[in-house]
């Protein structure tokens, strides 16, 4: 068919797509069933429409009624009708009956095209029976289907979790990368140094913008790393390969790294249940073909490590670098165990590691009275309280929902300090006397996701309110979206870090309150 020419089958599908389940089932399906062979082929789009419409708006009862009809079509003499039916089936759920019908066709078909279509369907709904049929078939021709089915079976039979307590003893060749917001790496580094002083299990290898690389010098577990609160993600470097445009040699090299002894040791030590990972080519968009080729080859090399895009506890990410690609293994845990207190969130809420960094900048102070003028979901207050020495936490916010969420989060975090949360404009807050706070810590609205009519005026008012609230020697620590220093003469800038908050820079600033 020439480009731009009408496509009758596509046009028919678009018409049928607008019908209800009842209209399709009571009118179009019977018409299709009683039609002569030629008309059935002309109206094969009915099968596709049934699969889509019933999956989107059909009740479970209606879907259960449709599945036997689709199974019956798997025995139709026309291959095209059979292929349409097998494509529609996974949209409507499945049972052992549907799997058995598909496998019966798998055993009898002589069409390579149909067998490939069956493999695509079985990888969505197949189970142990499917594995028995396709495992090792056709010299790995259907390796992707086999791997997906095996991952589904393992996901159900042996649910996976990342182990924080699994000890890793063979650590000589391990490199660990702690990534975070660009500009906060020195704070992460200082936290690592504190961990090293306390436990002595690691050493710092290098510090780059947004990255701190460490290596173990003693047996360790993930729990040791997750005592650190200021990094965003942690990964283990599995290896690197030269960039060569995605040819067969680079596919083989990447697969070799994924299936390497180091990868196996790490995954076995830190996983309870089946070992499953999601493969991601960073900064390259969807790379379905590359993911398929690399993961299938890695599976052939090491069948116990399964690529699985659904609820996998690990990510293996391919990071582009100068002349090479670095392969890294990262745990996927939701919620992050460090911030499991987050019972709720608000729009434009703080990134938890940023809140932890702000709290670390506050330093240890006993008897602290902390105020967050824009408390949001309460992360800055919680992170500061978790560091100890806090007597009272005070939060204000214009949103009643934010106040309620902050309260739930503070309770979940086990904060023992006195808690005072008020729904109000911070400029009108009367619950804190002049000089009553030792610390103002906040991540104010940036005007990016929540529009602010006068952002400069808001930040100037924050400076003024902080100068009033802080006692001499008190600190103001906040993320400043503007290149604007305090106009208040009693607030002295002590430090400023330029931090990338996801496409725009802000200053993480520390001010101290001077005697009046």
Protein backbone atom coordinates (compact mmCIF):
# COMPACT_ATOMS: atom_id res chain seq x y z
CA UNK A 1 0.00 0.00 0.00
CA UNK A 2 1.37 3.40 -1.01
CA UNK A 3 2.20 5.92 1.69
CA UNK A 4 -0.82 8.12 2.41
CA UNK A 5 -3.27 5.68 0.75
CA UNK A 6 -6.39 4.74 2.76
CA UNK A 7 -6.01 1.68 4.98
CA UNK A 8 -9.46 0.02 5.23
CA UNK A 9 -8.45 -2.23 8.12
CA UNK A 10 -7.08 0.67 10.15
CA UNK A 11 -10.14 2.81 9.39
CA UNK A 12 -12.43 -0.03 10.47
CA UNK A 13 -10.47 -0.44 13.70
CA UNK A 14 -10.80 3.27 14.48
CA UNK A 15 -14.57 3.00 14.00
CA UNK A 16 -14.89 -0.14 16.11
CA UNK A 17 -12.64 1.39 18.78
CA UNK A 18 -15.40 3.92 19.54
CA UNK A 19 -18.02 1.26 20.32
CA UNK A 20 -18.92 0.01 23.77
CA UNK A 21 -18.27 -3.50 25.03
CA UNK A 22 -21.94 -4.36 24.60
CA UNK A 23 -22.06 -3.10 21.01
CA UNK A 24 -18.96 -5.07 20.10
CA UNK A 25 -20.06 -8.25 21.83
CA UNK A 26 -23.71 -8.23 20.81
CA UNK A 27 -23.37 -6.97 17.23
CA UNK A 28 -19.85 -6.98 15.78
CA UNK A 29 -18.62 -10.31 17.18
CA UNK A 30 -21.68 -12.27 15.94
CA UNK A 31 -21.35 -10.57 12.54
CA UNK A 32 -17.70 -11.62 12.39
CA UNK A 33 -18.48 -15.20 13.45
CA UNK A 34 -21.15 -15.78 10.80
CA UNK A 35 -19.31 -14.04 7.96
CA UNK A 36 -17.87 -15.85 5.01
CA UNK A 37 -14.07 -16.41 5.05
CA UNK A 38 -13.32 -13.41 2.81
CA UNK A 39 -15.41 -11.02 4.91
CA UNK A 40 -13.86 -12.36 8.13
CA UNK A 41 -10.44 -11.42 6.80
CA UNK A 42 -11.70 -7.97 5.85
CA UNK A 43 -13.11 -7.47 9.37
CA UNK A 44 -10.23 -8.99 11.36
CA UNK A 45 -9.86 -5.60 13.10
CA UNK A 46 -12.85 -6.65 15.23
CA UNK A 47 -10.51 -8.91 17.21
CA UNK A 48 -8.09 -6.09 17.91
CA UNK A 49 -10.90 -3.73 18.92
CA UNK A 50 -12.35 -6.32 21.31
CA UNK A 51 -8.98 -6.77 23.01
CA UNK A 52 -8.46 -3.04 23.50
CA UNK A 53 -12.02 -1.96 24.40
CA UNK A 54 -12.67 -4.82 26.83
CA UNK A 55 -9.28 -4.31 28.51
CA UNK A 56 -9.98 -0.60 29.03
CA UNK A 57 -13.68 -0.60 29.97
CA UNK A 58 -14.86 -4.18 30.35
CA UNK A 59 -15.78 -5.63 33.73
CA UNK A 60 -14.01 -8.78 34.95
CA UNK A 61 -17.15 -10.73 34.09
CA UNK A 62 -17.23 -9.35 30.55
CA UNK A 63 -13.53 -10.08 30.07
CA UNK A 64 -14.06 -13.65 31.27
CA UNK A 65 -16.80 -14.06 28.64
CA UNK A 66 -14.53 -12.82 25.85
CA UNK A 67 -11.49 -14.99 26.59
CA UNK A 68 -13.07 -18.31 25.45
CA UNK A 69 -14.03 -16.65 22.16
CA UNK A 70 -10.45 -15.54 21.62
CA UNK A 71 -9.17 -19.01 22.56
CA UNK A 72 -11.49 -20.48 19.96
CA UNK A 73 -9.99 -18.20 17.34
CA UNK A 74 -6.58 -19.76 18.04
CA UNK A 75 -7.91 -22.78 16.13
CA UNK A 76 -9.07 -20.75 13.12
CA UNK A 77 -7.66 -21.95 9.77
CA UNK A 78 -6.38 -18.43 8.96
CA UNK A 79 -3.02 -17.58 10.54
CA UNK A 80 -3.78 -13.84 10.56
CA UNK A 81 -6.90 -14.40 12.65
CA UNK A 82 -4.94 -16.61 15.04
CA UNK A 83 -2.25 -13.95 15.41
CA UNK A 84 -4.80 -11.23 16.12
CA UNK A 85 -6.38 -13.44 18.79
CA UNK A 86 -3.10 -14.23 20.52
CA UNK A 87 -2.22 -10.53 20.57
CA UNK A 88 -5.57 -9.66 22.20
CA UNK A 89 -5.50 -12.38 24.87
CA UNK A 90 -2.88 -10.89 27.25
CA UNK A 91 -4.90 -7.67 27.48
CA UNK A 92 -7.76 -9.53 29.17
CA UNK A 93 -5.93 -11.54 31.78
CA UNK A 94 -5.13 -15.20 31.51
CA UNK A 95 -5.43 -18.60 33.13
CA UNK A 96 -4.02 -22.06 32.63
CA UNK A 97 -6.63 -22.61 29.90
CA UNK A 98 -5.34 -19.77 27.72
CA UNK A 99 -1.75 -20.86 28.27
CA UNK A 100 -2.65 -24.45 27.29
CA UNK A 101 -4.37 -23.28 24.08
CA UNK A 102 -1.35 -21.21 23.10
CA UNK A 103 1.05 -24.07 23.82
CA UNK A 104 -1.06 -26.45 21.76
CA UNK A 105 -0.67 -24.08 18.82
CA UNK A 106 3.05 -23.70 19.60
CA UNK A 107 3.51 -27.46 19.21
CA UNK A 108 1.66 -27.70 15.89
CA UNK A 109 2.45 -24.56 13.92
CA UNK A 110 5.07 -24.68 11.21
CA UNK A 111 5.08 -20.93 10.61
CA UNK A 112 8.12 -19.11 11.98
CA UNK A 113 6.16 -15.85 11.96
CA UNK A 114 3.37 -17.40 14.01
CA UNK A 115 5.83 -18.99 16.40
CA UNK A 116 7.44 -15.61 17.00
CA UNK A 117 4.01 -14.09 17.67
CA UNK A 118 3.22 -16.93 20.08
CA UNK A 119 6.50 -16.31 21.89
CA UNK A 120 5.57 -12.62 22.35
CA UNK A 121 2.22 -13.63 23.81
CA UNK A 122 3.58 -16.38 26.04
CA UNK A 123 6.23 -14.07 27.48
CA UNK A 124 3.33 -12.00 28.84
CA UNK A 125 1.11 -14.75 30.25
CA UNK A 126 3.20 -17.93 30.32
CA UNK A 127 4.13 -19.88 33.44
CA UNK A 128 5.88 -23.10 34.34
CA UNK A 129 4.14 -25.02 31.55
CA UNK A 130 5.51 -22.53 29.03
CA UNK A 131 9.01 -22.88 30.44
CA UNK A 132 8.82 -26.62 29.92
CA UNK A 133 8.05 -26.07 26.24
CA UNK A 134 10.30 -23.19 25.21
CA UNK A 135 13.35 -23.48 27.48
CA UNK A 136 16.37 -23.81 25.23
CA UNK A 137 14.21 -24.07 22.11
CA UNK A 138 15.62 -23.37 18.66
CA UNK A 139 19.13 -22.71 20.01
CA UNK A 140 18.02 -19.68 22.00
CA UNK A 141 15.89 -18.16 19.25
CA UNK A 142 13.24 -17.39 21.84
CA UNK A 143 15.60 -16.47 24.67
CA UNK A 144 13.74 -13.26 25.43
CA UNK A 145 10.43 -15.07 25.90
CA UNK A 146 12.12 -17.72 28.02
CA UNK A 147 13.78 -15.10 30.24
CA UNK A 148 10.58 -13.09 30.67
CA UNK A 149 8.53 -16.14 31.56
CA UNK A 150 11.18 -17.33 33.99
CA UNK A 151 11.27 -13.87 35.59
CA UNK A 152 7.47 -13.94 35.97
CA UNK A 153 7.57 -17.39 37.55
CA UNK A 154 10.39 -16.39 39.90
CA UNK A 155 8.66 -13.12 40.78
CA UNK A 156 5.65 -15.08 42.03
CA UNK A 157 7.44 -18.06 43.56
CA UNK A 158 10.42 -16.27 45.10
CA UNK A 159 9.67 -12.55 45.72
CA UNK A 160 12.84 -10.49 45.80
CA UNK A 161 14.06 -7.91 48.25
CA UNK A 162 17.36 -6.11 48.66
CA UNK A 163 19.17 -7.30 51.78
CA UNK A 164 20.69 -4.57 53.91
CA UNK A 165 22.30 -7.09 56.27
CA UNK A 166 24.00 -9.38 53.75
CA UNK A 167 27.75 -9.19 54.35
CA UNK A 168 30.12 -8.87 51.40
CA UNK A 169 33.53 -10.28 52.24
CA UNK A 170 35.29 -10.54 48.85
CA UNK A 171 35.66 -6.78 48.51
CA UNK A 172 39.08 -6.28 46.93
CA UNK A 173 37.85 -5.17 43.49
CA UNK A 174 34.74 -3.23 44.55
CA UNK A 175 34.17 0.41 43.66
CA UNK A 176 31.15 2.21 45.11
CA UNK A 177 29.71 5.41 43.70
CA UNK A 178 27.55 7.76 45.76
CA UNK A 179 25.69 10.16 43.48
CA UNK A 180 23.78 13.25 44.51
CA UNK A 181 22.89 16.74 43.43
CA UNK A 182 25.75 18.52 41.70
CA UNK A 183 27.27 20.87 44.25
CA UNK A 184 26.51 18.78 47.35
CA UNK A 185 29.33 16.27 46.92
CA UNK A 186 31.49 17.86 49.61
CA UNK A 187 28.71 17.41 52.17
CA UNK A 188 28.43 13.76 51.12
CA UNK A 189 32.20 13.44 51.43
CA UNK A 190 32.17 14.86 54.96
CA UNK A 191 29.44 12.41 55.94
CA UNK A 192 31.48 9.53 54.53
CA UNK A 193 34.52 10.71 56.49
CA UNK A 194 32.40 10.62 59.64
CA UNK A 195 31.34 7.06 58.82
CA UNK A 196 34.95 6.04 58.21
CA UNK A 197 36.00 7.51 61.55
CA UNK A 198 33.27 5.53 63.30
CA UNK A 199 33.48 2.19 61.46
CA UNK A 200 36.62 2.21 59.33
CA UNK A 201 35.15 0.06 56.55
CA UNK A 202 35.78 2.35 53.57
CA UNK A 203 38.17 4.81 52.06
CA UNK A 204 37.48 7.73 49.75
CA UNK A 205 38.96 7.33 46.28
CA UNK A 206 37.79 10.45 44.45
CA UNK A 207 35.35 13.33 44.69
CA UNK A 208 33.86 14.84 41.53
CA UNK A 209 30.90 17.12 40.94
CA UNK A 210 27.84 15.15 41.97
CA UNK A 211 29.85 12.02 42.79
CA UNK A 212 31.85 10.55 45.66
CA UNK A 213 33.63 7.28 44.92
CA UNK A 214 34.66 5.02 47.78
CA UNK A 215 36.07 1.53 48.12
CA UNK A 216 35.73 -0.93 51.00
CA UNK A 217 38.73 -1.92 53.10
CA UNK A 218 36.83 -4.48 55.20
CA UNK A 219 33.71 -6.65 54.92
CA UNK A 220 30.59 -4.50 54.71
CA UNK A 221 26.86 -4.62 54.05
CA UNK A 222 24.40 -2.25 52.41
CA UNK A 223 23.19 -1.21 55.84
CA UNK A 224 26.59 0.43 56.39
CA UNK A 225 26.09 2.56 53.28
CA UNK A 226 22.49 3.41 54.11
CA UNK A 227 23.51 5.01 57.38
CA UNK A 228 24.56 7.84 55.05
CA UNK A 229 21.66 10.18 54.36
CA UNK A 230 23.05 12.82 52.01
CA UNK A 231 23.62 10.84 48.81
CA UNK A 232 20.90 10.29 46.23
CA UNK A 233 21.81 6.89 44.78
CA UNK A 234 24.44 4.25 45.43
CA UNK A 235 25.91 1.96 42.80
CA UNK A 236 28.60 -0.65 42.38
CA UNK A 237 30.86 -0.39 39.35
CA UNK A 238 30.73 -3.73 37.53
CA UNK A 239 33.11 -2.73 34.74
CA UNK A 240 33.42 -0.70 31.58
CA UNK A 241 33.51 -1.34 27.84
CA UNK A 242 34.74 0.71 24.93
CA UNK A 243 32.05 2.56 23.01
CA UNK A 244 31.70 0.98 19.60
CA UNK A 245 28.30 1.99 18.28
CA UNK A 246 26.26 -0.96 19.54
CA UNK A 247 27.87 -3.60 17.34
CA UNK A 248 28.07 -7.29 18.21
CA UNK A 249 31.36 -6.91 20.08
CA UNK A 250 30.00 -4.21 22.39
CA UNK A 251 26.83 -6.25 23.02
CA UNK A 252 29.00 -9.20 23.99
CA UNK A 253 31.25 -7.05 26.18
CA UNK A 254 28.30 -5.51 28.06
CA UNK A 255 26.74 -8.94 28.59
CA UNK A 256 30.03 -10.28 29.90
CA UNK A 257 30.17 -7.50 32.49
CA UNK A 258 26.55 -8.04 33.58
CA UNK A 259 27.16 -11.78 34.00
CA UNK A 260 30.62 -11.34 35.53
CA UNK A 261 31.70 -13.05 38.76
CA UNK A 262 31.69 -9.67 40.53
CA UNK A 263 28.10 -9.03 39.47
CA UNK A 264 27.04 -12.48 40.64
CA UNK A 265 28.76 -12.12 44.01
CA UNK A 266 27.20 -8.74 44.71
CA UNK A 267 23.71 -9.81 43.66
CA UNK A 268 23.86 -13.05 45.63
CA UNK A 269 25.13 -11.31 48.76
CA UNK A 270 22.58 -8.51 48.72
CA UNK A 271 19.43 -10.24 47.40
CA UNK A 272 16.86 -12.38 49.15
CA UNK A 273 14.77 -14.30 46.63
CA UNK A 274 15.15 -14.39 42.88
CA UNK A 275 17.85 -12.22 41.31
CA UNK A 276 16.21 -9.81 38.87
CA UNK A 277 17.36 -6.52 37.41
CA UNK A 278 16.16 -3.78 35.09
CA UNK A 279 18.58 -2.75 32.33
CA UNK A 280 18.82 0.96 31.58
CA UNK A 281 20.91 2.89 29.06
CA UNK A 282 21.34 6.24 30.82
CA UNK A 283 20.78 9.42 28.77
CA UNK A 284 19.95 7.45 25.62
CA UNK A 285 16.16 7.19 25.84
CA UNK A 286 14.39 3.93 25.12
CA UNK A 287 16.88 1.41 23.78
CA UNK A 288 14.56 -1.58 23.42
CA UNK A 289 16.64 -3.34 20.81
CA UNK A 290 19.90 -2.90 22.75
CA UNK A 291 18.23 -3.95 26.02
CA UNK A 292 16.90 -7.08 24.33
CA UNK A 293 20.23 -8.03 22.75
CA UNK A 294 22.35 -7.37 25.84
CA UNK A 295 19.97 -8.95 28.36
CA UNK A 296 19.42 -12.04 26.20
CA UNK A 297 23.15 -12.59 25.85
CA UNK A 298 23.70 -12.01 29.59
CA UNK A 299 20.94 -14.55 30.28
CA UNK A 300 22.67 -17.09 28.06
CA UNK A 301 25.88 -16.55 30.04
CA UNK A 302 24.21 -16.59 33.47
CA UNK A 303 20.58 -17.86 33.56
CA UNK A 304 20.14 -17.20 37.29
CA UNK A 305 20.36 -13.41 36.73
CA UNK A 306 17.13 -12.30 35.07
CA UNK A 307 16.30 -9.10 33.25
CA UNK A 308 12.83 -8.01 34.41
CA UNK A 309 11.33 -4.57 33.92
CA UNK A 310 8.59 -5.28 36.46
CA UNK A 311 9.35 -4.68 40.15
CA UNK A 312 12.99 -5.72 39.86
CA UNK A 313 15.00 -5.02 43.03
CA UNK A 314 18.08 -3.93 41.05
CA UNK A 315 18.98 -1.64 38.17
CA UNK A 316 21.97 -2.26 35.93
CA UNK A 317 22.67 1.07 34.26
CA UNK A 318 24.95 1.75 31.32
CA UNK A 319 26.48 5.21 31.87
CA UNK A 320 28.09 6.89 28.85
CA UNK A 321 31.53 8.31 29.49
CA UNK A 322 34.45 9.55 27.40
CA UNK A 323 35.17 6.74 24.97
CA UNK A 324 33.56 4.06 27.12
CA UNK A 325 30.40 2.94 28.87
CA UNK A 326 30.48 2.24 32.59
CA UNK A 327 28.21 -0.53 33.88
CA UNK A 328 26.82 0.06 37.38
CA UNK A 329 24.58 -1.96 39.68
CA UNK A 330 22.16 -0.09 41.97
CA UNK A 331 19.54 -1.27 44.48
CA UNK A 332 15.94 -0.24 43.83
CA UNK A 333 14.12 0.15 47.13
CA UNK A 334 10.81 1.91 47.53
CA UNK A 335 10.46 3.44 49.98
CA UNK A 336 14.08 4.33 50.52
CA UNK A 337 14.79 2.80 53.96
CA UNK A 338 16.49 6.02 55.07
CA UNK A 339 13.30 8.02 54.54
CA UNK A 340 10.63 5.45 55.33
CA UNK A 341 8.98 8.01 57.61
CA UNK A 342 7.48 9.71 54.54
CA UNK A 343 3.80 8.90 54.99
CA UNK A 344 2.80 11.63 52.56
CA UNK A 345 4.19 14.30 50.28
CA UNK A 346 3.20 17.64 48.79
CA UNK A 347 3.78 19.23 45.36
CA UNK A 348 7.31 20.64 44.98
CA UNK A 349 8.40 18.93 48.21
CA UNK A 350 12.08 18.73 49.14
CA UNK A 351 14.30 15.99 47.79
CA UNK A 352 15.07 13.98 50.98
CA UNK A 353 18.88 13.89 50.55
CA UNK A 354 18.83 17.67 50.05
CA UNK A 355 16.95 18.01 53.34
CA UNK A 356 19.57 15.77 54.95
CA UNK A 357 22.35 17.96 53.53
CA UNK A 358 20.74 21.11 54.93
CA UNK A 359 20.43 19.41 58.31
CA UNK A 360 24.08 18.38 58.23
CA UNK A 361 25.12 21.96 57.51
CA UNK A 362 23.29 22.97 60.68
CA UNK A 363 25.83 21.06 62.74
CA UNK A 364 25.30 19.57 66.22
CA UNK A 365 23.68 21.95 68.72
CA UNK A 366 21.93 21.03 71.94
CA UNK A 367 18.68 22.67 72.97
CA UNK A 368 17.92 23.59 69.35
CA UNK A 369 14.70 25.43 68.53
CA UNK A 370 14.14 24.92 64.80
CA UNK A 371 11.73 26.81 62.55
CA UNK A 372 10.88 25.96 58.95
CA UNK A 373 8.79 28.80 57.50
CA UNK A 374 7.80 26.65 54.46
CA UNK A 375 7.63 23.25 56.12
CA UNK A 376 5.87 21.37 53.30
CA UNK A 377 6.02 17.69 54.24
CA UNK A 378 8.40 18.37 57.14
CA UNK A 379 11.60 16.86 55.77
CA UNK A 380 14.01 19.57 56.94
CA UNK A 381 12.53 19.53 60.44
CA UNK A 382 12.71 15.74 60.62
CA UNK A 383 16.25 15.47 59.26
CA UNK A 384 17.49 18.04 61.75
CA UNK A 385 15.65 16.35 64.62
CA UNK A 386 17.14 12.96 63.71
CA UNK A 387 20.62 14.40 64.25
CA UNK A 388 19.75 15.01 67.89
CA UNK A 389 19.86 17.91 70.33
CA UNK A 390 16.53 19.42 69.22
CA UNK A 391 14.20 20.80 71.87
CA UNK A 392 11.39 22.17 69.71
CA UNK A 393 10.45 22.03 66.02
CA UNK A 394 8.20 24.68 64.53
CA UNK A 395 6.66 24.51 61.08
CA UNK A 396 4.48 26.94 59.18
CA UNK A 397 2.88 26.52 55.77
CA UNK A 398 -0.01 28.04 53.82
CA UNK A 399 -1.41 24.58 53.07
CA UNK A 400 -3.52 22.75 55.65
CA UNK A 401 -2.79 19.53 53.79
CA UNK A 402 0.96 20.16 54.13
CA UNK A 403 0.60 20.73 57.87
CA UNK A 404 -1.34 17.47 58.24
CA UNK A 405 1.27 15.56 56.21
CA UNK A 406 4.11 17.11 58.20
CA UNK A 407 2.47 15.99 61.41
CA UNK A 408 2.09 12.39 60.16
CA UNK A 409 5.69 12.32 58.94
CA UNK A 410 7.07 13.71 62.21
CA UNK A 411 5.18 11.04 64.15
CA UNK A 412 6.38 8.30 61.79
CA UNK A 413 9.98 9.51 62.18
CA UNK A 414 9.68 9.23 65.97
CA UNK A 415 10.62 12.85 66.60
CA UNK A 416 10.63 13.35 70.39
CA UNK A 417 10.94 17.12 70.44
CA UNK A 418 8.03 19.47 71.11
CA UNK A 419 6.14 19.95 67.84
CA UNK A 420 4.36 23.15 66.83
CA UNK A 421 2.80 23.16 63.34
CA UNK A 422 0.64 26.07 62.18
CA UNK A 423 -1.21 26.75 58.95
CA UNK A 424 -0.40 30.37 58.21
CA UNK A 425 1.75 32.76 56.20
CA UNK A 426 5.19 32.72 57.83
CA UNK A 427 5.17 36.53 57.82
CA UNK A 428 2.14 36.54 60.12
CA UNK A 429 3.30 33.75 62.45
CA UNK A 430 3.01 34.76 66.12
CA UNK A 431 4.04 31.50 67.75
CA UNK A 432 7.73 32.39 67.97
CA UNK A 433 8.98 35.36 69.91
CA UNK A 434 11.82 37.53 68.63
CA UNK A 435 15.12 35.77 69.19
CA UNK A 436 13.31 32.55 70.10
CA UNK A 437 14.89 30.30 67.43
CA UNK A 438 18.41 28.95 67.16
CA UNK A 439 17.96 27.64 63.61
CA UNK A 440 15.85 28.55 60.60
CA UNK A 441 16.12 25.78 58.01
CA UNK A 442 14.02 25.65 54.87
CA UNK A 443 13.69 24.87 51.20
CA UNK A 444 11.36 27.66 50.05
CA UNK A 445 9.22 27.64 46.89
CA UNK A 446 11.46 28.15 43.88
CA UNK A 447 8.76 29.38 41.51
CA UNK A 448 9.40 26.49 39.11
CA UNK A 449 6.55 24.07 39.82
CA UNK A 450 4.49 26.34 42.07
CA UNK A 451 4.25 29.86 40.55
CA UNK A 452 5.31 32.70 42.85
CA UNK A 453 4.12 36.20 41.95
CA UNK A 454 7.01 38.02 43.65
CA UNK A 455 9.80 35.55 44.37
CA UNK A 456 12.36 38.23 45.24
CA UNK A 457 9.95 39.81 47.70
CA UNK A 458 9.31 36.40 49.26
CA UNK A 459 13.03 35.72 49.77
CA UNK A 460 13.58 39.22 51.18
CA UNK A 461 10.72 38.60 53.62
CA UNK A 462 12.33 35.29 54.60
CA UNK A 463 15.56 37.12 55.44
CA UNK A 464 13.63 39.67 57.51
CA UNK A 465 11.61 37.02 59.38
CA UNK A 466 14.76 34.98 60.07
CA UNK A 467 16.62 38.03 61.39
CA UNK A 468 13.76 38.64 63.84
CA UNK A 469 13.35 35.01 64.89
CA UNK A 470 16.99 34.06 65.41
CA UNK A 471 18.92 34.68 68.59
CA UNK A 472 22.54 35.92 68.27
CA UNK A 473 24.66 33.02 67.02
CA UNK A 474 21.64 31.38 65.40
CA UNK A 475 21.79 30.15 61.81
CA UNK A 476 19.70 30.48 58.69
CA UNK A 477 20.24 27.56 56.28
CA UNK A 478 18.23 27.41 53.09
CA UNK A 479 18.17 26.80 49.36
CA UNK A 480 18.15 30.22 47.75
CA UNK A 481 16.70 30.31 44.21
CA UNK A 482 18.05 33.85 43.62
CA UNK A 483 21.51 35.37 43.54
CA UNK A 484 20.43 37.62 46.38
CA UNK A 485 22.29 38.10 49.65
CA UNK A 486 20.50 39.10 52.80
CA UNK A 487 19.66 42.79 53.02
CA UNK A 488 19.48 42.31 56.82
CA UNK A 489 22.69 43.64 58.37
CA UNK A 490 22.47 41.14 61.26
CA UNK A 491 22.63 38.14 58.94
CA UNK A 492 26.15 37.34 57.74
CA UNK A 493 26.73 34.92 54.86
CA UNK A 494 29.07 32.12 55.97
CA UNK A 495 29.02 29.83 52.94
CA UNK A 496 27.31 29.31 49.61
CA UNK A 497 27.25 26.24 47.37
CA UNK A 498 25.81 26.29 43.85
CA UNK A 499 23.58 23.23 43.55
CA UNK A 500 21.77 21.77 40.55
CA UNK A 501 18.19 21.11 41.57
CA UNK A 502 17.20 19.39 38.36
CA UNK A 503 17.80 21.77 35.49
CA UNK A 504 18.25 24.99 37.43
CA UNK A 505 20.81 26.18 39.95
CA UNK A 506 20.26 27.56 43.40
CA UNK A 507 22.51 28.49 46.27
CA UNK A 508 22.59 26.39 49.42
CA UNK A 509 23.49 29.12 51.89
CA UNK A 510 24.41 29.37 55.55
CA UNK A 511 23.99 32.65 57.45
CA UNK A 512 24.78 33.42 61.07
CA UNK A 513 22.95 35.93 63.23
CA UNK A 514 25.21 38.71 64.53
CA UNK A 515 24.60 40.52 67.80
CA UNK A 516 22.29 43.48 67.23
